[in-house]
Protein backbone atom coordinates (compact mmCIF):
# COMPACT_ATOMS: atom_id res chain seq x y z
CA MET A 1 -18.05 8.22 20.46
CA THR A 2 -18.59 6.52 17.10
CA GLU A 3 -18.24 8.37 13.81
CA GLY A 4 -21.95 8.01 13.11
CA THR A 5 -22.94 9.50 16.47
CA TYR A 6 -20.86 12.67 16.24
CA LYS A 7 -21.82 13.21 12.60
CA THR A 8 -25.52 12.84 13.39
CA ARG A 9 -25.29 15.48 16.09
CA LEU A 10 -23.44 17.92 13.87
CA GLN A 11 -25.75 17.30 10.90
CA THR A 12 -28.74 18.09 13.11
CA ALA A 13 -27.11 21.33 14.20
CA PHE A 14 -25.54 22.57 10.95
CA GLY A 15 -27.05 20.50 8.12
CA LYS A 16 -25.70 17.71 5.95
CA PRO A 17 -24.10 19.91 3.24
CA TRP A 18 -21.93 21.71 5.80
CA CYS A 19 -20.90 18.42 7.44
CA ASP A 20 -20.10 16.78 4.09
CA ARG A 21 -17.87 19.72 3.25
CA VAL A 22 -16.06 19.95 6.60
CA LEU A 23 -16.08 16.49 8.18
CA THR A 24 -13.76 14.82 5.69
CA GLY A 25 -10.01 14.33 5.48
CA ASP A 26 -9.55 15.87 2.03
CA TYR A 27 -8.98 19.41 0.87
CA ARG A 28 -7.89 19.21 -2.73
CA PRO A 29 -6.86 22.85 -3.31
CA ALA A 30 -4.08 22.11 -0.80
CA VAL A 31 -3.49 18.35 -1.22
CA PRO A 32 -4.76 17.12 -4.61
CA PHE A 33 -5.01 13.45 -3.54
CA SER A 34 -7.66 11.80 -1.39
CA ILE A 35 -6.05 11.31 1.99
CA GLN A 36 -6.13 7.54 2.32
CA ASP A 37 -3.88 4.58 1.65
CA VAL A 38 -3.21 3.92 -2.05
CA ASP A 39 -1.03 1.63 -4.15
CA ILE A 40 0.95 4.07 -6.29
CA THR A 41 2.58 1.18 -8.17
CA ALA A 42 -0.88 0.54 -9.69
CA THR A 43 -1.22 4.04 -11.17
CA LEU A 44 0.67 3.79 -14.48
CA PRO A 45 -1.99 1.72 -16.34
CA ALA A 46 -4.60 4.23 -15.17
CA ILE A 47 -2.36 7.05 -16.44
CA PHE A 48 -2.23 5.31 -19.85
CA TYR A 49 -6.05 5.25 -19.93
CA LEU A 50 -6.46 8.87 -18.79
CA SER A 51 -3.87 10.15 -21.26
CA ARG A 52 -5.57 8.35 -24.15
CA TYR A 53 -9.26 9.03 -23.47
CA VAL A 54 -9.01 12.19 -21.29
CA GLN A 55 -11.77 10.74 -19.12
CA ARG A 56 -11.73 9.00 -15.76
CA ARG A 57 -11.98 5.23 -15.90
CA GLY A 58 -15.22 3.47 -15.09
CA LYS A 59 -16.20 -0.20 -15.07
CA GLY A 60 -14.33 -2.61 -17.33
CA ARG A 61 -14.87 -6.21 -18.42
CA LEU A 62 -12.10 -7.98 -16.48
CA ALA A 63 -14.39 -9.58 -13.90
CA GLU A 64 -17.02 -10.39 -16.54
CA VAL A 65 -14.57 -12.11 -18.89
CA PHE A 66 -12.13 -13.74 -16.47
CA GLY A 67 -14.05 -13.93 -13.19
CA GLY A 68 -17.31 -15.58 -14.09
CA GLY A 69 -20.41 -14.94 -12.03
CA ASP A 70 -19.72 -13.17 -8.75
CA LYS A 71 -16.13 -14.42 -8.43
CA GLU A 72 -13.17 -12.08 -8.58
CA SER A 73 -10.61 -12.64 -11.31
CA SER A 74 -7.45 -14.54 -10.40
CA VAL A 75 -4.31 -15.61 -12.23
CA ALA A 76 -5.75 -19.13 -12.39
CA SER A 77 -9.02 -17.97 -13.97
CA VAL A 78 -7.20 -15.72 -16.45
CA ALA A 79 -4.84 -18.53 -17.49
CA SER A 80 -7.79 -20.92 -17.86
CA GLN A 81 -9.70 -18.52 -20.13
CA LEU A 82 -6.67 -17.54 -22.22
CA ALA A 83 -5.83 -21.23 -22.78
CA GLN A 84 -9.09 -21.53 -24.72
CA THR A 85 -8.11 -18.82 -27.25
CA PRO A 86 -6.23 -19.52 -30.52
CA HIS A 87 -3.13 -17.60 -29.43
CA PHE A 88 -2.52 -20.01 -26.52
CA ARG A 89 -2.83 -23.42 -28.14
CA GLY A 90 -0.82 -25.97 -26.20
CA PHE A 91 -1.68 -24.56 -22.78
CA GLU A 92 -4.83 -26.64 -22.27
CA ASP A 93 -3.63 -29.11 -19.61
CA GLU A 94 -3.07 -28.34 -15.94
CA THR A 95 0.74 -28.24 -16.10
CA THR A 96 0.91 -25.81 -19.02
CA ARG A 97 -1.79 -23.61 -17.46
CA HIS A 98 0.40 -23.35 -14.35
CA ILE A 99 3.30 -22.30 -16.58
CA LEU A 100 1.08 -19.70 -18.26
CA GLY A 101 0.00 -18.49 -14.82
CA ASP A 102 3.65 -18.09 -13.80
CA LEU A 103 4.31 -16.02 -16.92
CA LEU A 104 1.31 -13.81 -16.20
CA MET A 105 2.41 -13.28 -12.58
CA GLY A 106 5.94 -12.52 -13.67
CA PHE A 107 5.11 -9.96 -16.34
CA CYS A 108 1.49 -8.80 -16.32
CA LEU A 109 -0.51 -9.28 -13.11
CA GLU A 110 -0.07 -9.02 -9.36
CA ASN A 111 -2.14 -10.54 -6.56
CA ARG A 112 -3.27 -9.07 -3.29
CA SER A 113 -0.24 -8.62 -0.96
CA ARG A 114 1.97 -9.84 -3.85
CA SER A 115 0.90 -13.39 -3.02
CA GLU A 116 2.13 -16.23 -5.27
CA ASP A 117 -1.13 -18.14 -4.84
CA LYS A 118 -2.76 -18.24 -8.28
CA GLN A 119 -6.24 -18.40 -6.70
CA GLU A 120 -5.84 -15.03 -4.95
CA PRO A 121 -7.85 -12.08 -6.36
CA LEU A 122 -5.99 -9.79 -8.75
CA ARG A 123 -5.15 -6.31 -7.51
CA ARG A 124 -2.71 -4.76 -9.97
CA ALA A 125 -1.85 -4.76 -13.67
CA LEU A 126 1.86 -4.27 -14.36
CA PRO A 127 2.49 -1.45 -16.88
CA THR A 128 4.25 -3.77 -19.33
CA HIS A 129 2.47 -2.29 -22.36
CA TYR A 130 -0.03 0.44 -23.15
CA PHE A 131 -2.80 -2.17 -23.27
CA ALA A 132 -2.43 -2.67 -19.51
CA GLY A 133 -4.71 0.39 -19.34
CA TRP A 134 -7.55 -1.82 -20.63
CA LEU A 135 -7.49 -3.89 -17.41
CA ASP A 136 -9.70 -2.39 -14.70
CA LEU A 137 -7.36 -3.05 -11.81
CA PRO A 138 -8.14 -2.01 -9.16
CA GLU A 139 -11.78 -2.58 -10.03
CA ARG A 140 -12.84 0.90 -8.91
CA SER A 141 -10.69 3.81 -10.09
CA VAL A 142 -11.64 5.77 -6.96
CA ASN A 143 -9.36 3.37 -5.04
CA LEU A 144 -6.40 5.15 -6.68
CA ARG A 145 -7.35 8.29 -4.68
CA TYR A 146 -6.97 10.82 -7.52
CA VAL A 147 -3.25 10.07 -7.84
CA PRO A 148 -3.40 9.20 -11.60
CA GLU A 149 -5.65 12.19 -12.29
CA THR A 150 -3.25 14.53 -10.49
CA ILE A 151 -0.22 13.16 -12.33
CA VAL A 152 -1.94 13.50 -15.72
CA ALA A 153 -3.02 17.07 -14.84
CA MET A 154 0.56 17.94 -13.82
CA LEU A 155 2.05 16.44 -16.97
CA ALA A 156 -0.49 18.00 -19.34
CA GLY A 157 0.15 21.42 -17.78
CA GLN A 158 -3.15 23.03 -18.79
CA ASN A 159 -4.93 26.04 -17.23
CA GLY A 160 -8.65 25.21 -17.33
CA PRO A 161 -10.77 23.62 -14.58
CA VAL A 162 -10.61 20.19 -16.27
CA VAL A 163 -8.05 18.43 -18.47
CA THR A 164 -9.00 18.44 -22.17
CA ASP A 165 -7.46 17.25 -25.44
CA SER A 166 -4.08 18.92 -25.89
CA PRO A 167 -4.26 21.46 -28.75
CA ALA A 168 -2.03 20.95 -31.78
CA ASP A 169 0.12 23.95 -30.81
CA ASP A 170 0.59 22.92 -27.15
CA PRO A 171 4.36 22.40 -26.67
CA THR A 172 3.98 20.04 -23.69
CA PRO A 173 6.05 16.83 -23.91
CA PHE A 174 3.07 15.03 -22.33
CA PRO A 175 0.07 15.76 -24.61
CA VAL A 176 -3.18 13.91 -23.95
CA GLY A 177 -6.11 12.92 -26.12
CA ARG A 178 -5.61 12.85 -29.88
CA ARG A 179 -1.88 13.44 -29.51
CA PHE A 180 -1.36 10.68 -26.92
CA ARG A 181 1.17 8.93 -29.19
CA GLU A 182 3.50 11.94 -28.70
CA ASN A 183 3.36 11.62 -24.91
CA LEU A 184 6.90 10.94 -23.61
CA LEU A 185 5.63 8.75 -20.78
CA LEU A 186 3.55 6.56 -23.11
CA LYS A 187 5.91 6.30 -26.10
CA PRO A 188 7.99 3.31 -24.87
CA PHE A 189 4.79 1.36 -24.14
CA LEU A 190 3.10 1.89 -27.52
CA HIS A 191 4.89 -0.77 -29.59
CA GLY A 192 2.47 -2.15 -32.16
CA VAL A 193 -0.47 0.12 -31.31
CA LYS A 194 -2.23 1.08 -34.55
CA PRO A 195 -3.34 4.69 -34.99
CA PRO A 196 -6.90 4.85 -33.63
CA GLU A 197 -9.75 5.45 -36.09
CA PRO A 198 -12.23 6.82 -35.21
CA PHE A 199 -10.56 8.37 -32.18
CA ARG A 200 -13.48 8.23 -29.74
CA ASP A 201 -14.34 4.59 -30.48
CA LEU A 202 -13.28 2.71 -27.33
CA SER A 203 -12.38 -0.39 -29.33
CA SER A 204 -10.41 1.47 -32.01
CA ASP A 205 -6.96 0.76 -30.54
CA GLN A 206 -5.60 -2.45 -32.03
CA PHE A 207 -2.33 -4.33 -32.19
CA ASP A 208 -0.41 -4.44 -35.47
CA GLU A 209 0.42 -8.14 -35.74
CA VAL A 210 3.54 -7.53 -37.84
CA THR A 211 5.20 -5.46 -35.10
CA PRO A 212 7.81 -7.44 -33.12
CA VAL A 213 7.23 -7.24 -29.35
CA THR A 214 8.69 -8.96 -26.31
CA LEU A 215 6.92 -11.84 -24.56
CA PRO A 216 5.75 -9.67 -21.61
CA GLU A 217 4.28 -7.13 -24.04
CA TRP A 218 2.63 -9.88 -26.09
CA LEU A 219 0.97 -11.38 -23.00
CA THR A 220 -0.47 -8.01 -21.97
CA ILE A 221 -1.73 -7.39 -25.51
CA ARG A 222 -3.53 -10.77 -25.64
CA LEU A 223 -5.03 -10.13 -22.20
CA ALA A 224 -6.49 -6.86 -23.43
CA GLU A 225 -7.72 -8.40 -26.69
CA ALA A 226 -9.75 -10.93 -24.71
CA LEU A 227 -11.62 -8.00 -23.13
CA GLU A 228 -12.40 -6.54 -26.57
CA GLN A 229 -12.46 -2.94 -25.31
CA PRO A 230 -11.14 -0.77 -22.48
CA PRO A 231 -13.32 0.25 -19.51
CA ARG A 232 -16.12 2.71 -20.10
CA PRO A 233 -15.68 6.26 -18.79
CA LEU A 234 -16.87 6.90 -15.26
CA SER A 235 -20.58 7.70 -15.05
CA ALA A 236 -21.93 10.98 -13.72
CA SER A 237 -23.48 9.16 -10.74
CA ALA A 238 -20.03 7.88 -9.75
CA GLY A 239 -18.38 11.29 -9.84
CA GLY A 240 -18.22 12.14 -13.53
CA ALA A 241 -15.70 11.34 -16.23
CA ALA A 242 -13.97 14.74 -16.47
CA ILE A 243 -10.40 14.83 -15.15
CA PRO A 244 -10.20 17.70 -12.63
CA ASN A 245 -7.21 19.91 -13.35
CA GLN A 246 -6.22 20.05 -9.68
CA GLN A 247 -2.45 20.23 -9.27
CA PRO A 248 -0.16 20.61 -6.23
CA LEU A 249 0.50 24.03 -4.77
CA ALA A 250 2.62 26.09 -7.15
CA CYS A 251 4.78 27.35 -4.28
CA ILE A 252 6.25 23.90 -3.64
CA ALA A 253 7.65 23.59 -7.21
CA ALA A 254 6.82 19.87 -7.54
CA PRO A 255 9.76 18.29 -9.41
CA LEU A 256 7.94 15.22 -10.78
CA ARG A 257 6.97 16.67 -14.18
CA GLU A 258 10.48 17.84 -15.06
CA ASP A 259 12.01 14.63 -13.69
CA LEU A 260 9.79 12.43 -15.86
CA GLU A 261 10.48 14.59 -18.91
CA VAL A 262 14.27 14.36 -18.46
CA PHE A 263 14.24 10.68 -17.49
CA MET A 264 11.94 9.43 -20.25
CA ALA A 265 13.63 11.51 -22.95
CA ALA A 266 16.98 10.01 -21.95
CA TYR A 267 16.13 6.38 -21.16
CA GLY A 268 12.57 5.62 -22.32
CA GLU A 269 13.78 3.79 -25.44
CA THR A 270 17.13 2.49 -24.15
CA MET A 271 16.31 0.76 -20.85
CA PRO A 272 15.02 -2.84 -20.66
CA ARG A 273 11.30 -2.84 -19.90
CA GLY A 274 11.61 -4.49 -16.46
CA VAL A 275 14.25 -1.99 -15.31
CA LEU A 276 12.25 0.95 -16.68
CA ILE A 277 9.10 -0.07 -14.79
CA ASN A 278 10.99 -0.41 -11.49
CA LEU A 279 12.72 2.95 -11.91
CA LEU A 280 9.40 4.60 -12.77
CA ASP A 281 8.03 3.27 -9.47
CA ALA A 282 11.01 4.91 -7.76
CA ALA A 283 10.33 8.12 -9.72
CA LEU A 284 6.74 8.20 -8.44
CA ALA A 285 7.89 7.48 -4.88
CA VAL A 286 10.40 10.31 -4.67
CA GLY A 287 8.23 12.72 -6.69
CA LEU A 288 4.93 12.17 -4.85
CA SER A 289 6.52 12.01 -1.39
CA THR A 290 8.32 15.30 -2.09
CA ILE A 291 4.98 16.85 -3.07
CA LEU A 292 3.35 15.71 0.18
CA THR A 293 6.18 16.62 2.55
CA SER A 294 6.75 19.99 0.86
CA THR A 295 3.02 20.69 1.05
CA ALA A 296 3.17 19.94 4.78
CA VAL A 297 5.99 22.48 5.21
CA ALA A 298 4.09 25.07 3.14
CA LEU A 299 0.86 24.57 5.12
CA THR A 300 2.76 24.88 8.39
CA ALA A 301 4.12 28.23 7.19
CA TRP A 302 0.59 29.24 6.14
CA ALA A 303 -0.69 28.41 9.64
CA GLN A 304 1.78 30.92 11.13
CA ASP A 305 0.80 34.07 9.24
CA GLY A 306 -1.84 33.11 6.66
CA ARG A 307 0.56 33.21 3.69
CA LEU A 308 2.16 30.41 1.73
CA PRO A 309 5.98 30.63 1.69
CA SER A 310 7.80 32.45 -1.08
CA GLN A 311 10.92 30.29 -0.71
CA LEU A 312 10.98 26.66 -1.84
CA PRO A 313 9.77 24.51 1.08
CA ARG A 314 11.43 21.12 1.56
CA LEU A 315 11.26 18.72 4.51
CA PRO A 316 14.85 17.76 5.45
CA LEU A 317 15.36 13.99 5.86
CA LEU A 318 18.54 12.04 6.55
CA VAL A 319 18.64 9.06 4.18
CA ASP A 320 20.55 6.12 5.65
CA ALA A 321 22.77 4.81 2.86
CA SER A 322 23.72 1.75 4.94
CA ASN A 323 20.10 0.48 4.74
CA GLY A 324 20.15 -0.13 8.47
CA LEU A 325 23.47 -2.00 8.64
CA ASP A 326 25.04 0.89 10.54
CA ARG A 327 23.00 1.02 13.74
CA GLU A 328 24.05 4.54 14.70
CA LEU A 329 23.14 5.87 11.26
CA LYS A 330 19.81 4.06 11.38
CA ARG A 331 19.05 5.54 14.78
CA ALA A 332 19.99 9.05 13.60
CA SER A 333 17.85 8.73 10.46
CA LYS A 334 14.85 7.62 12.52
CA LYS A 335 15.40 10.46 15.00
CA VAL A 336 15.40 13.07 12.23
CA PHE A 337 12.14 11.68 10.80
CA GLU A 338 10.62 11.56 14.28
CA ALA A 339 11.41 15.27 14.71
CA GLN A 340 9.75 16.05 11.38
CA SER A 341 6.74 13.87 12.24
CA ARG A 342 5.57 16.47 14.73
CA LEU A 343 5.23 18.93 11.86
CA LEU A 344 3.58 16.33 9.63
CA ALA A 345 1.08 15.42 12.34
CA GLU A 346 -0.33 18.97 12.30
CA VAL A 347 -1.48 18.71 8.68
CA PRO A 348 -4.95 17.20 9.43
CA VAL A 349 -5.69 20.11 11.80
CA ILE A 350 -4.54 22.68 9.21
CA LEU A 351 -6.73 21.03 6.56
CA MET A 352 -9.68 21.15 8.96
CA ALA A 353 -9.12 24.88 9.50
CA LEU A 354 -8.99 25.41 5.74
CA ARG A 355 -12.25 23.51 5.24
CA LEU A 356 -13.95 25.55 8.00
CA LEU A 357 -12.84 28.84 6.47
CA ASP A 358 -13.72 27.64 2.95
CA ALA A 359 -17.26 26.67 4.00
CA GLU A 360 -17.95 30.09 5.51
CA VAL A 361 -16.30 32.12 2.74
CA SER A 362 -18.06 30.16 -0.02
CA ALA A 363 -21.43 30.74 1.66
CA MET A 364 -21.04 34.54 1.55
CA ALA A 365 -22.88 35.91 -1.47
CA THR A 366 -20.82 39.11 -1.43
CA LEU A 367 -17.59 37.15 -1.91
CA SER A 368 -18.64 34.31 -4.23
CA ALA A 369 -18.13 36.29 -7.45
CA SER A 370 -14.65 37.55 -6.54
CA LEU A 371 -13.05 34.41 -5.12
CA PRO A 372 -9.77 33.29 -6.76
CA THR A 373 -9.88 30.10 -8.77
CA ARG A 374 -8.78 26.88 -7.06
CA THR A 375 -7.48 25.23 -10.23
CA PRO A 376 -4.96 24.35 -11.46
CA HIS A 377 -3.22 25.57 -8.28
CA GLY A 378 -4.86 26.59 -5.01
CA ASP A 379 -2.21 29.09 -3.87
CA ALA A 380 -4.24 32.27 -4.40
CA TYR A 381 -7.32 30.78 -2.75
CA LEU A 382 -5.37 29.57 0.30
CA ASN A 383 -3.75 32.98 0.67
CA LEU A 384 -7.20 34.60 0.62
CA LEU A 385 -8.37 32.22 3.36
CA GLY A 386 -5.23 33.17 5.28
CA GLU A 387 -6.12 36.86 4.96
CA VAL A 388 -9.56 36.09 6.37
CA LEU A 389 -8.11 34.00 9.19
CA CYS A 390 -5.63 36.67 10.27
CA GLY A 391 -8.11 39.55 10.17
CA ARG A 392 -6.63 41.25 7.11
CA HIS A 393 -9.72 40.85 4.87
CA PRO A 394 -12.97 42.86 4.95
CA ALA A 395 -14.92 39.63 5.47
CA SER A 396 -12.78 38.47 8.42
CA GLY A 397 -15.18 39.74 11.10
CA ALA A 398 -18.23 37.97 9.67
CA VAL A 399 -16.40 34.70 9.02
CA LEU A 400 -14.72 34.54 12.43
CA LYS A 401 -18.01 35.41 14.14
CA ALA A 402 -19.83 32.61 12.29
CA LEU A 403 -17.17 30.07 13.31
CA ALA A 404 -17.27 31.29 16.93
CA GLU A 405 -21.03 30.73 16.96
CA LYS A 406 -20.52 27.20 15.66
CA ALA A 407 -17.95 26.58 18.41
CA ALA A 408 -20.49 27.71 21.01
CA ARG A 409 -23.16 25.43 19.54
CA ILE A 410 -20.80 22.41 19.56
CA ALA A 411 -19.91 23.13 23.18
CA GLU A 412 -23.63 23.00 24.02
CA LEU A 413 -24.06 19.68 22.19
CA TRP A 414 -21.23 18.05 24.16
CA ALA A 415 -21.84 19.80 27.49
CA GLU A 416 -22.98 16.59 29.22
CA ASP A 417 -20.73 14.11 27.42
CA ASP A 418 -17.28 15.68 27.29
CA PRO A 419 -16.32 18.55 29.60
CA GLN A 420 -12.90 18.72 27.94
CA ILE A 421 -14.49 19.70 24.62
CA VAL A 422 -16.47 22.40 26.42
CA ARG A 423 -13.30 23.77 28.04
CA ASP A 424 -11.44 23.70 24.72
CA LEU A 425 -14.23 25.56 22.95
CA GLN A 426 -14.96 28.16 25.62
CA ALA A 427 -12.02 30.23 24.40
CA ALA A 428 -13.16 29.66 20.80
CA GLN A 429 -16.46 31.45 21.36
CA ARG A 430 -14.75 34.81 21.00
CA PRO A 431 -14.04 35.57 17.31
CA SER A 432 -10.30 35.42 16.72
CA HIS A 433 -7.49 33.68 14.86
CA GLU A 434 -7.02 31.34 17.83
CA SER A 435 -10.71 30.41 18.01
CA VAL A 436 -10.52 28.87 14.52
CA TRP A 437 -7.60 26.67 15.54
CA ARG A 438 -9.37 25.52 18.71
CA LEU A 439 -12.46 24.58 16.72
CA ALA A 440 -10.33 22.81 14.10
CA ARG A 441 -8.56 20.75 16.77
CA VAL A 442 -11.82 19.73 18.42
CA LEU A 443 -13.41 18.63 15.14
CA THR A 444 -10.25 16.76 14.16
CA ALA A 445 -10.28 14.96 17.50
CA LEU A 446 -13.97 14.10 17.08
CA ARG A 447 -13.19 12.41 13.77
CA GLY A 448 -10.97 10.03 15.73
CA ARG A 449 -7.42 8.73 15.64
CA LYS A 450 -8.22 6.31 12.80
CA GLN A 451 -9.28 9.18 10.54
CA THR A 452 -6.26 11.37 11.30
CA ARG A 453 -3.92 8.39 10.79
CA LYS A 454 -4.99 8.23 7.15
CA TRP A 455 -2.69 11.17 6.42
CA PHE A 456 0.31 9.07 7.47
CA GLU A 457 -1.07 6.13 5.47
CA LEU A 458 -0.99 8.33 2.37
CA LEU A 459 2.56 9.45 3.22
CA ASP A 460 3.69 5.84 3.62
CA ALA A 461 2.05 4.92 0.32
CA CYS A 462 3.81 7.73 -1.54
CA PHE A 463 7.13 6.89 0.11
CA LEU A 464 6.55 3.28 -1.08
CA CYS A 465 7.18 2.23 2.49
CA ASN A 466 8.84 -1.23 2.82
CA HIS A 467 9.01 -1.56 -0.97
CA PRO A 468 12.22 -2.33 -2.91
CA CYS A 469 11.71 0.89 -4.91
CA GLY A 470 10.80 3.03 -1.90
CA LEU A 471 12.37 5.68 0.32
CA VAL A 472 11.20 4.60 3.78
CA THR A 473 11.00 1.43 5.85
CA LYS A 474 9.22 0.79 9.12
CA PRO A 475 8.49 -2.26 11.29
CA ALA A 476 5.68 -4.60 10.33
CA ALA A 477 2.36 -4.58 12.16
CA ALA A 478 3.50 -6.74 15.08
CA GLY A 479 4.80 -4.93 18.16
CA SER A 480 3.91 -1.72 19.96
CA ARG A 481 2.14 1.11 18.17
CA ALA A 482 5.03 3.51 18.88
CA ARG A 483 7.44 1.09 17.21
CA GLN A 484 5.14 0.65 14.21
CA GLU A 485 5.08 4.41 13.66
CA THR A 486 8.89 4.67 13.56
CA ARG A 487 9.98 5.44 10.00
CA HIS A 488 13.47 4.98 8.63
CA PRO A 489 14.43 6.88 5.43
CA THR A 490 16.80 4.78 3.31
CA LEU A 491 18.35 4.63 -0.15
CA THR A 492 17.48 1.26 -1.67
CA ASP A 493 19.44 -0.03 -4.68
CA THR A 494 16.55 0.76 -7.05
CA MET A 495 16.12 4.26 -5.64
CA LEU A 496 19.84 4.95 -5.96
CA ASP A 497 19.79 3.58 -9.49
CA TYR A 498 16.94 5.92 -10.45
CA LEU A 499 18.37 9.03 -8.78
CA VAL A 500 21.80 8.57 -10.36
CA HIS A 501 20.39 7.96 -13.84
CA LEU A 502 18.15 11.02 -13.47
CA TRP A 503 21.07 13.16 -12.24
CA VAL A 504 23.29 12.05 -15.13
CA ALA A 505 20.50 12.85 -17.62
CA HIS A 506 20.02 16.31 -16.06
CA GLN A 507 23.74 17.03 -16.31
CA LEU A 508 24.00 15.78 -19.89
CA ARG A 509 21.14 18.11 -20.83
CA GLU A 510 22.97 21.03 -19.18
CA LYS A 511 26.35 19.88 -20.56
CA GLN A 512 27.82 19.71 -17.05
CA PRO A 513 29.90 16.91 -15.46
CA PRO A 514 27.87 14.60 -13.16
CA THR A 515 30.07 14.97 -10.07
CA VAL A 516 29.35 13.13 -6.84
CA GLU A 517 29.43 16.36 -4.82
CA GLY A 518 26.92 17.94 -7.19
CA PHE A 519 24.70 14.87 -6.82
CA PHE A 520 24.56 15.22 -3.04
CA ARG A 521 23.80 18.93 -3.30
CA TRP A 522 21.08 18.21 -5.87
CA LEU A 523 19.41 15.63 -3.58
CA ARG A 524 19.31 18.19 -0.77
CA ASN A 525 17.97 21.12 -2.79
CA ARG A 526 15.52 19.22 -4.98
CA TYR A 527 14.06 16.66 -2.58
CA GLY A 528 15.28 17.59 0.92
CA LEU A 529 17.34 14.36 1.10
CA TYR A 530 20.55 14.82 3.11
CA VAL A 531 23.53 12.47 2.87
CA HIS A 532 26.59 14.12 4.39
CA GLU A 533 25.74 17.80 4.80
CA PRO A 534 24.64 19.22 8.19
CA LEU A 535 20.88 19.21 8.66
CA PRO A 536 18.89 22.20 9.98
CA SER A 537 19.23 22.93 13.66
CA GLN A 538 16.02 21.16 14.69
CA ALA A 539 17.56 17.81 13.71
CA PRO A 540 21.34 17.92 14.41
CA VAL A 541 23.42 14.87 13.44
CA PRO A 542 27.08 14.32 14.49
CA ALA A 543 29.59 15.12 11.74
CA THR A 544 31.23 11.71 12.12
CA LEU A 545 27.95 9.98 11.24
CA LEU A 546 27.45 12.20 8.22
CA ARG A 547 30.95 11.35 6.95
CA ARG A 548 30.19 7.64 7.41
CA ASN A 549 26.94 8.06 5.52
CA ARG A 550 28.80 9.61 2.61
CA GLN A 551 31.27 6.73 2.58
CA TRP A 552 28.44 4.22 2.65
CA THR A 553 26.83 6.01 -0.32
CA GLU A 554 30.03 6.04 -2.38
CA ASP A 555 30.66 2.36 -1.63
CA ARG A 556 27.10 1.47 -2.66
CA LEU A 557 27.40 3.52 -5.85
CA ARG A 558 30.66 1.75 -6.70
CA ASP A 559 29.07 -1.68 -6.08
CA LEU A 560 26.16 -0.77 -8.38
CA GLY A 561 28.51 0.29 -11.16
CA LEU A 562 27.41 3.93 -10.94
CA PHE A 563 30.62 5.49 -9.60
CA VAL A 564 34.02 6.22 -11.08
CA SER A 565 36.92 7.98 -9.38
CA VAL A 566 39.66 9.31 -11.64
CA SER A 567 41.52 10.97 -8.73
CA ASP A 568 41.25 11.49 -4.97
CA ALA A 569 40.01 15.04 -5.51
CA GLU A 570 36.27 15.63 -5.11
CA SER A 571 36.05 16.95 -8.66
CA GLY A 572 37.47 13.64 -9.91
CA LYS A 573 34.60 11.60 -8.45
CA ARG A 574 31.94 11.17 -11.12
CA LEU A 575 28.70 9.28 -11.58
CA LEU A 576 27.83 7.34 -14.71
CA ALA A 577 24.69 5.65 -16.01
CA ARG A 578 24.50 1.89 -16.59
CA PHE A 579 22.33 2.44 -19.66
CA PRO A 580 22.95 4.72 -22.64
CA THR A 581 20.85 7.82 -23.11
CA ALA A 582 18.96 8.65 -26.28
CA HIS A 583 21.42 11.53 -26.83
CA GLU A 584 24.41 9.19 -27.08
């Protein structure tokens, strides 16, 4: 059955508002991102914009200035237009325009699928300078699936329903709005940006021509100047410009905010720009994937007894430090992820159950005034829905009865088309905890495999799957579907580089030695990444393989210049950063 057909039937039975609320993949009090594929490497320029204007990004002038007509902008069209400006005299002929195009592709812009064809449409602005936030790439900010908005909300650390200008007395290291120049994440990218006057004028940010900047920064600045102003805020008809202050569940203790604070304070001004950008991509990969996998563990615990866990939930993964060169390690790493995938696969059903409960609870006039807030964290609201689900709330009887009646109605609608749905829902027509889960599974199945697969697409995107800065690899599209869904957690050179530098910065802040053993323990406790320690019982790995994985890790660290051993004792094995910290 097509998506349109099942939705039409359900809309006729229950109304469009109910269907719009329930028949979706998202539930932002639990997972603050839209559950679809997203390019998280494209989020930093959007974060620059959000942190400066405290409004969601709308339409910009990139296509108008560099595309011409209905054509999409490309590196070739950008180079051609820039060559006509005074700053690019000498780039007028075809050869020099190709050289300019190569510079833009190397430092400022990226094509679809990272193609080197200069005629391909642009898809990403590299965060080389703050002015990259003036480029509306991707064209529609909704394509970034609320990832930049969530990161800005996490970093700002406010309590209201929307993110607002940070007050003067707010001690956050990531202030937004008028104090954006104090924001630790933005500071290294603000070279030459004049203080804005007046603040709300979109064209008030300018480049101070006497400030020395690198060539990549200069190119990005001139690109932005050609646009004359940043994108307008998002219109109300497109969802509104306010940044929702929706953050991950508090119970999962998302590490990304603290990691970025420690990392940027230590290396923001000391690392070369190209290295910093790559390591920030790795930071987003490990931070966002930890949020998603930990949320999956927390929701699974909620599904058992209606309460979010009190202990820190982490999904244990074996990271293959050989990057697939050791076949046995690779096989073991894949097997561990495959075991965890069964838990991850239940998340769309749990989200459906949450949406069903939410729709009924929100419709009850007697409850609407006393419901817990969903922002900035949805923990209290989810726990209330769990109380309703498990029969521990005064409204449980009415809510479960209403959902049982909906299950009976759906069984009637599909009586002639799908006897299996009727059988599945017959037991759901009696109000109970189990009836909600049966209804949730049926509605999830009706949405189709393509819809439920979007959850894994979001996971892959946050893992930066098959990316040099990522945590996971998997086979390309060719081959069987089972093979395509096999994921292999790894430690790429860039990811190792980031994790070691972050660990060293943490230890310097705490005035503790950055030992190798402490590093492994930190990876396990903070991110659920196992190197040589035994994994939980559901995913056992032979001790010999774990010892080999540790040796692979130490060898890789030594090759990258991140490891020093002053003795054979474990306490004599230390990690060191390749770049100085701001404290040194």
